[in-house]
Amino acid sequence: MTAHIETAKITLDINGENRSLIVRPADTLLRVLREQAGLTGAKPGCENGDCGACTVLIDGAPFKSCIILAVEAVGHKVTTIEGLKGEPIQKAFAEKRGFQCGYCTPGFIMNCHGLVINHPDADDETIEEWLQSNICRCTGYEEIREAVKSVLFLSGTNDGDKERVGENDGFEGNKI
């Protein structure tokens, strides 16, 4: 006798486009993005939330998509590396050579993009704290730090009245 696996049709807002997908309740957002939506920028690394290669933004905050169920993202805006279009952090990574083999780069870019959005006035301590959520085995992180700092410097900094993503956003998940 074969066990019946329940599925459900969900709609996810991915990169500004509503996508109808058939998922199992246990499907991670990472697997659904890669296998059903065809968005392979988020990478499977550790698949337990440690490495950050799978980082995406949910409502503007970075999350590790390998430990979030796809059904948890319903009603939220999911942004993958494919959804970034010429953002300053992408250019900065290229200019500062913030990558080597490239496997972890999409996750780092998404995490750093989230940092720039949520902490435009980030100091060195904040940058270090955010970079600790992603792992790279190839680089010494200095080029990544420089990429982030160059974007923070360009953005002007200090809009203290702006509410940060993640504060009162109603999303209870596995924030970085």
C-alpha atoms as a PDB file:
ATOM      1  CA  MET A   1       0.000   0.000   0.000  1.00  0.00           C
ATOM      2  CA  THR A   2       1.356   3.411  -0.962  1.00  0.00           C
ATOM      3  CA  ALA A   3       0.949   6.289   1.461  1.00  0.00           C
ATOM      4  CA  HIS A   4      -0.857   9.315   0.092  1.00  0.00           C
ATOM      5  CA  ILE A   5       1.143  12.512   0.416  1.00  0.00           C
ATOM      6  CA  GLU A   6      -1.057  15.545   0.879  1.00  0.00           C
ATOM      7  CA  THR A   7      -0.389  18.557  -1.311  1.00  0.00           C
ATOM      8  CA  ALA A   8      -1.804  22.034  -1.416  1.00  0.00           C
ATOM      9  CA  LYS A   9      -1.909  24.812  -3.947  1.00  0.00           C
ATOM     10  CA  ILE A  10      -0.359  27.999  -2.586  1.00  0.00           C
ATOM     11  CA  THR A  11       0.415  31.376  -4.074  1.00  0.00           C
ATOM     12  CA  LEU A  12       3.727  32.998  -3.281  1.00  0.00           C
ATOM     13  CA  ASP A  13       4.770  36.545  -4.113  1.00  0.00           C
ATOM     14  CA  ILE A  14       8.246  35.861  -5.511  1.00  0.00           C
ATOM     15  CA  ASN A  15      10.216  38.770  -6.913  1.00  0.00           C
ATOM     16  CA  GLY A  16       7.023  40.780  -7.327  1.00  0.00           C
ATOM     17  CA  GLU A  17       5.196  38.063  -9.254  1.00  0.00           C
ATOM     18  CA  ASN A  18       2.427  35.878  -7.829  1.00  0.00           C
ATOM     19  CA  ARG A  19       3.310  32.241  -8.466  1.00  0.00           C
ATOM     20  CA  SER A  20       0.834  29.389  -7.941  1.00  0.00           C
ATOM     21  CA  LEU A  21       2.615  26.268  -6.763  1.00  0.00           C
ATOM     22  CA  ILE A  22       1.652  22.801  -5.574  1.00  0.00           C
ATOM     23  CA  VAL A  23       3.554  21.953  -2.396  1.00  0.00           C
ATOM     24  CA  ARG A  24       3.650  19.419   0.374  1.00  0.00           C
ATOM     25  CA  PRO A  25       3.303  20.881   3.879  1.00  0.00           C
ATOM     26  CA  ALA A  26       6.902  19.815   4.641  1.00  0.00           C
ATOM     27  CA  ASP A  27       8.493  21.433   1.550  1.00  0.00           C
ATOM     28  CA  THR A  28      11.070  24.042   2.408  1.00  0.00           C
ATOM     29  CA  LEU A  29      11.030  27.377   0.683  1.00  0.00           C
ATOM     30  CA  LEU A  30      14.480  26.579  -0.737  1.00  0.00           C
ATOM     31  CA  ARG A  31      13.250  23.402  -2.475  1.00  0.00           C
ATOM     32  CA  VAL A  32      10.125  25.081  -3.820  1.00  0.00           C
ATOM     33  CA  LEU A  33      12.104  28.040  -5.167  1.00  0.00           C
ATOM     34  CA  ARG A  34      14.632  25.782  -6.883  1.00  0.00           C
ATOM     35  CA  GLU A  35      12.535  22.824  -8.018  1.00  0.00           C
ATOM     36  CA  GLN A  36       9.157  24.393  -8.768  1.00  0.00           C
ATOM     37  CA  ALA A  37       9.795  28.068  -9.419  1.00  0.00           C
ATOM     38  CA  GLY A  38      13.041  27.416 -11.319  1.00  0.00           C
ATOM     39  CA  LEU A  39      14.938  29.995  -9.257  1.00  0.00           C
ATOM     40  CA  THR A  40      18.280  28.372  -8.518  1.00  0.00           C
ATOM     41  CA  GLY A  41      20.158  31.362  -7.102  1.00  0.00           C
ATOM     42  CA  ALA A  42      19.517  30.308  -3.505  1.00  0.00           C
ATOM     43  CA  LYS A  43      21.886  27.398  -2.982  1.00  0.00           C
ATOM     44  CA  PRO A  44      21.531  24.275  -0.867  1.00  0.00           C
ATOM     45  CA  GLY A  45      24.552  24.135   1.405  1.00  0.00           C
ATOM     46  CA  CYS A  46      24.171  22.779   4.902  1.00  0.00           C
ATOM     47  CA  GLU A  47      20.355  22.629   4.675  1.00  0.00           C
ATOM     48  CA  ASN A  48      20.099  23.224   8.416  1.00  0.00           C
ATOM     49  CA  GLY A  49      20.385  27.020   8.637  1.00  0.00           C
ATOM     50  CA  ASP A  50      24.088  27.338   9.368  1.00  0.00           C
ATOM     51  CA  CYS A  51      25.786  28.435   6.133  1.00  0.00           C
ATOM     52  CA  GLY A  52      23.489  31.083   4.631  1.00  0.00           C
ATOM     53  CA  ALA A  53      23.943  30.004   0.992  1.00  0.00           C
ATOM     54  CA  CYS A  54      20.149  29.831   0.713  1.00  0.00           C
ATOM     55  CA  THR A  55      19.427  33.325   2.066  1.00  0.00           C
ATOM     56  CA  VAL A  56      16.462  35.169   0.582  1.00  0.00           C
ATOM     57  CA  LEU A  57      14.590  38.248   1.728  1.00  0.00           C
ATOM     58  CA  ILE A  58      11.114  37.917   3.162  1.00  0.00           C
ATOM     59  CA  ASP A  59       9.398  41.266   3.501  1.00  0.00           C
ATOM     60  CA  GLY A  60      12.852  42.852   3.209  1.00  0.00           C
ATOM     61  CA  ALA A  61      14.546  40.851   5.969  1.00  0.00           C
ATOM     62  CA  PRO A  62      17.036  38.026   5.327  1.00  0.00           C
ATOM     63  CA  PHE A  63      15.919  34.483   6.086  1.00  0.00           C
ATOM     64  CA  LYS A  64      17.532  31.122   5.445  1.00  0.00           C
ATOM     65  CA  SER A  65      15.147  29.447   3.039  1.00  0.00           C
ATOM     66  CA  CYS A  66      16.316  25.934   3.927  1.00  0.00           C
ATOM     67  CA  ILE A  67      14.671  26.135   7.351  1.00  0.00           C
ATOM     68  CA  ILE A  68      11.458  27.904   6.381  1.00  0.00           C
ATOM     69  CA  LEU A  69       8.514  26.003   5.044  1.00  0.00           C
ATOM     70  CA  ALA A  70       7.111  27.292   1.771  1.00  0.00           C
ATOM     71  CA  VAL A  71       3.667  27.569   3.366  1.00  0.00           C
ATOM     72  CA  GLU A  72       5.113  30.009   5.940  1.00  0.00           C
ATOM     73  CA  ALA A  73       5.936  32.449   3.138  1.00  0.00           C
ATOM     74  CA  VAL A  74       2.319  32.741   1.947  1.00  0.00           C
ATOM     75  CA  GLY A  75       1.205  36.357   2.296  1.00  0.00           C
ATOM     76  CA  HIS A  76       4.775  37.679   2.399  1.00  0.00           C
ATOM     77  CA  LYS A  77       7.047  39.142  -0.275  1.00  0.00           C
ATOM     78  CA  VAL A  78       9.914  36.790  -1.132  1.00  0.00           C
ATOM     79  CA  THR A  79      12.909  38.242  -2.950  1.00  0.00           C
ATOM     80  CA  THR A  80      15.610  36.003  -4.377  1.00  0.00           C
ATOM     81  CA  ILE A  81      18.897  36.964  -6.003  1.00  0.00           C
ATOM     82  CA  GLU A  82      17.094  36.748  -9.351  1.00  0.00           C
ATOM     83  CA  GLY A  83      14.760  39.514  -8.141  1.00  0.00           C
ATOM     84  CA  LEU A  84      17.542  42.019  -7.566  1.00  0.00           C
ATOM     85  CA  LYS A  85      17.992  44.183 -10.620  1.00  0.00           C
ATOM     86  CA  GLY A  86      21.211  46.170 -10.610  1.00  0.00           C
ATOM     87  CA  GLU A  87      21.204  46.887  -6.887  1.00  0.00           C
ATOM     88  CA  PRO A  88      24.281  48.744  -5.605  1.00  0.00           C
ATOM     89  CA  ILE A  89      25.343  45.755  -3.481  1.00  0.00           C
ATOM     90  CA  GLN A  90      25.603  43.582  -6.604  1.00  0.00           C
ATOM     91  CA  LYS A  91      27.868  46.101  -8.300  1.00  0.00           C
ATOM     92  CA  ALA A  92      29.909  46.499  -5.102  1.00  0.00           C
ATOM     93  CA  PHE A  93      30.512  42.744  -4.831  1.00  0.00           C
ATOM     94  CA  ALA A  94      31.866  42.734  -8.378  1.00  0.00           C
ATOM     95  CA  GLU A  95      33.958  45.881  -7.961  1.00  0.00           C
ATOM     96  CA  LYS A  96      35.424  44.836  -4.588  1.00  0.00           C
ATOM     97  CA  ARG A  97      35.801  41.197  -5.683  1.00  0.00           C
ATOM     98  CA  GLY A  98      33.652  39.983  -2.805  1.00  0.00           C
ATOM     99  CA  PHE A  99      33.544  36.411  -4.091  1.00  0.00           C
ATOM    100  CA  GLN A 100      35.781  33.574  -5.197  1.00  0.00           C
ATOM    101  CA  CYS A 101      34.122  30.328  -6.243  1.00  0.00           C
ATOM    102  CA  GLY A 102      30.711  32.038  -6.174  1.00  0.00           C
ATOM    103  CA  TYR A 103      28.651  29.328  -4.489  1.00  0.00           C
ATOM    104  CA  CYS A 104      27.886  31.390  -1.385  1.00  0.00           C
ATOM    105  CA  THR A 105      27.744  34.724  -3.213  1.00  0.00           C
ATOM    106  CA  PRO A 106      23.950  34.914  -3.785  1.00  0.00           C
ATOM    107  CA  GLY A 107      23.310  34.297  -0.086  1.00  0.00           C
ATOM    108  CA  PHE A 108      25.880  36.887   0.936  1.00  0.00           C
ATOM    109  CA  ILE A 109      24.468  39.450  -1.500  1.00  0.00           C
ATOM    110  CA  MET A 110      20.937  38.912  -0.204  1.00  0.00           C
ATOM    111  CA  ASN A 111      22.075  39.161   3.418  1.00  0.00           C
ATOM    112  CA  CYS A 112      24.125  42.292   2.704  1.00  0.00           C
ATOM    113  CA  HIS A 113      21.264  43.832   0.723  1.00  0.00           C
ATOM    114  CA  GLY A 114      19.043  43.258   3.760  1.00  0.00           C
ATOM    115  CA  LEU A 115      21.670  44.888   5.967  1.00  0.00           C
ATOM    116  CA  VAL A 116      21.843  47.973   3.745  1.00  0.00           C
ATOM    117  CA  ILE A 117      18.036  48.265   3.658  1.00  0.00           C
ATOM    118  CA  ASN A 118      17.532  47.793   7.392  1.00  0.00           C
ATOM    119  CA  HIS A 119      20.651  49.438   8.770  1.00  0.00           C
ATOM    120  CA  PRO A 120      21.802  52.169   6.382  1.00  0.00           C
ATOM    121  CA  ASP A 121      23.795  53.622   9.261  1.00  0.00           C
ATOM    122  CA  ALA A 122      25.444  50.306  10.217  1.00  0.00           C
ATOM    123  CA  ASP A 123      28.691  50.508  12.112  1.00  0.00           C
ATOM    124  CA  ASP A 124      31.516  47.957  11.955  1.00  0.00           C
ATOM    125  CA  GLU A 125      30.021  45.922  14.803  1.00  0.00           C
ATOM    126  CA  THR A 126      26.650  45.650  13.055  1.00  0.00           C
ATOM    127  CA  ILE A 127      28.313  44.677   9.779  1.00  0.00           C
ATOM    128  CA  GLU A 128      30.309  41.947  11.542  1.00  0.00           C
ATOM    129  CA  GLU A 129      27.202  40.650  13.288  1.00  0.00           C
ATOM    130  CA  TRP A 130      25.322  40.365  10.000  1.00  0.00           C
ATOM    131  CA  LEU A 131      28.241  38.759   8.159  1.00  0.00           C
ATOM    132  CA  GLN A 132      28.481  36.030  10.810  1.00  0.00           C
ATOM    133  CA  SER A 133      25.243  34.509   9.540  1.00  0.00           C
ATOM    134  CA  ASN A 134      26.854  33.400   6.274  1.00  0.00           C
ATOM    135  CA  ILE A 135      29.849  31.166   5.703  1.00  0.00           C
ATOM    136  CA  CYS A 136      32.387  31.289   2.903  1.00  0.00           C
ATOM    137  CA  ARG A 137      35.199  28.748   2.695  1.00  0.00           C
ATOM    138  CA  CYS A 138      37.112  30.592  -0.041  1.00  0.00           C
ATOM    139  CA  THR A 139      37.541  34.213   0.998  1.00  0.00           C
ATOM    140  CA  GLY A 140      38.713  36.073   4.067  1.00  0.00           C
ATOM    141  CA  TYR A 141      35.555  38.246   4.146  1.00  0.00           C
ATOM    142  CA  GLU A 142      37.534  41.497   3.820  1.00  0.00           C
ATOM    143  CA  GLU A 143      36.315  42.093   0.271  1.00  0.00           C
ATOM    144  CA  ILE A 144      32.726  41.426   1.376  1.00  0.00           C
ATOM    145  CA  ARG A 145      33.084  43.929   4.230  1.00  0.00           C
ATOM    146  CA  GLU A 146      34.474  46.485   1.795  1.00  0.00           C
ATOM    147  CA  ALA A 147      31.568  45.909  -0.604  1.00  0.00           C
ATOM    148  CA  VAL A 148      29.041  46.524   2.188  1.00  0.00           C
ATOM    149  CA  LYS A 149      30.871  49.593   3.459  1.00  0.00           C
ATOM    150  CA  SER A 150      31.088  51.076  -0.035  1.00  0.00           C
ATOM    151  CA  VAL A 151      27.307  50.787  -0.458  1.00  0.00           C
ATOM    152  CA  LEU A 152      26.606  52.185   3.007  1.00  0.00           C
ATOM    153  CA  PHE A 153      28.887  55.115   2.249  1.00  0.00           C
ATOM    154  CA  LEU A 154      27.149  55.751  -1.095  1.00  0.00           C
ATOM    155  CA  SER A 155      23.651  55.512   0.400  1.00  0.00           C
ATOM    156  CA  GLY A 156      24.260  58.462   2.660  1.00  0.00           C
ATOM    157  CA  THR A 157      23.261  56.772   5.955  1.00  0.00           C
ATOM    158  CA  ASN A 158      21.199  57.866   8.912  1.00  0.00           C
ATOM    159  CA  ASP A 159      17.496  57.951   8.360  1.00  0.00           C
ATOM    160  CA  GLY A 160      16.741  57.389  12.004  1.00  0.00           C
ATOM    161  CA  ASP A 161      12.983  57.918  11.613  1.00  0.00           C
ATOM    162  CA  LYS A 162      12.582  55.036   9.145  1.00  0.00           C
ATOM    163  CA  GLU A 163      11.086  51.881  10.665  1.00  0.00           C
ATOM    164  CA  ARG A 164      13.336  48.912  10.108  1.00  0.00           C
ATOM    165  CA  VAL A 165      12.063  45.724   8.482  1.00  0.00           C
ATOM    166  CA  GLY A 166      11.521  43.088  11.119  1.00  0.00           C
ATOM    167  CA  GLU A 167      10.200  45.544  13.678  1.00  0.00           C
ATOM    168  CA  ASN A 168       6.491  44.892  14.062  1.00  0.00           C
ATOM    169  CA  ASP A 169       6.264  43.120  10.696  1.00  0.00           C
ATOM    170  CA  GLY A 170       4.156  40.273  12.051  1.00  0.00           C
ATOM    171  CA  PHE A 171       6.329  37.570  10.522  1.00  0.00           C
ATOM    172  CA  GLU A 172       7.470  35.011  13.040  1.00  0.00           C
ATOM    173  CA  GLY A 173      10.133  32.944  11.337  1.00  0.00           C
ATOM    174  CA  ASN A 174      13.801  32.169  11.435  1.00  0.00           C
ATOM    175  CA  LYS A 175      15.308  35.586  10.993  1.00  0.00           C
ATOM    176  CA  ILE A 176      19.016  35.847  10.721  1.00  0.00           C
END
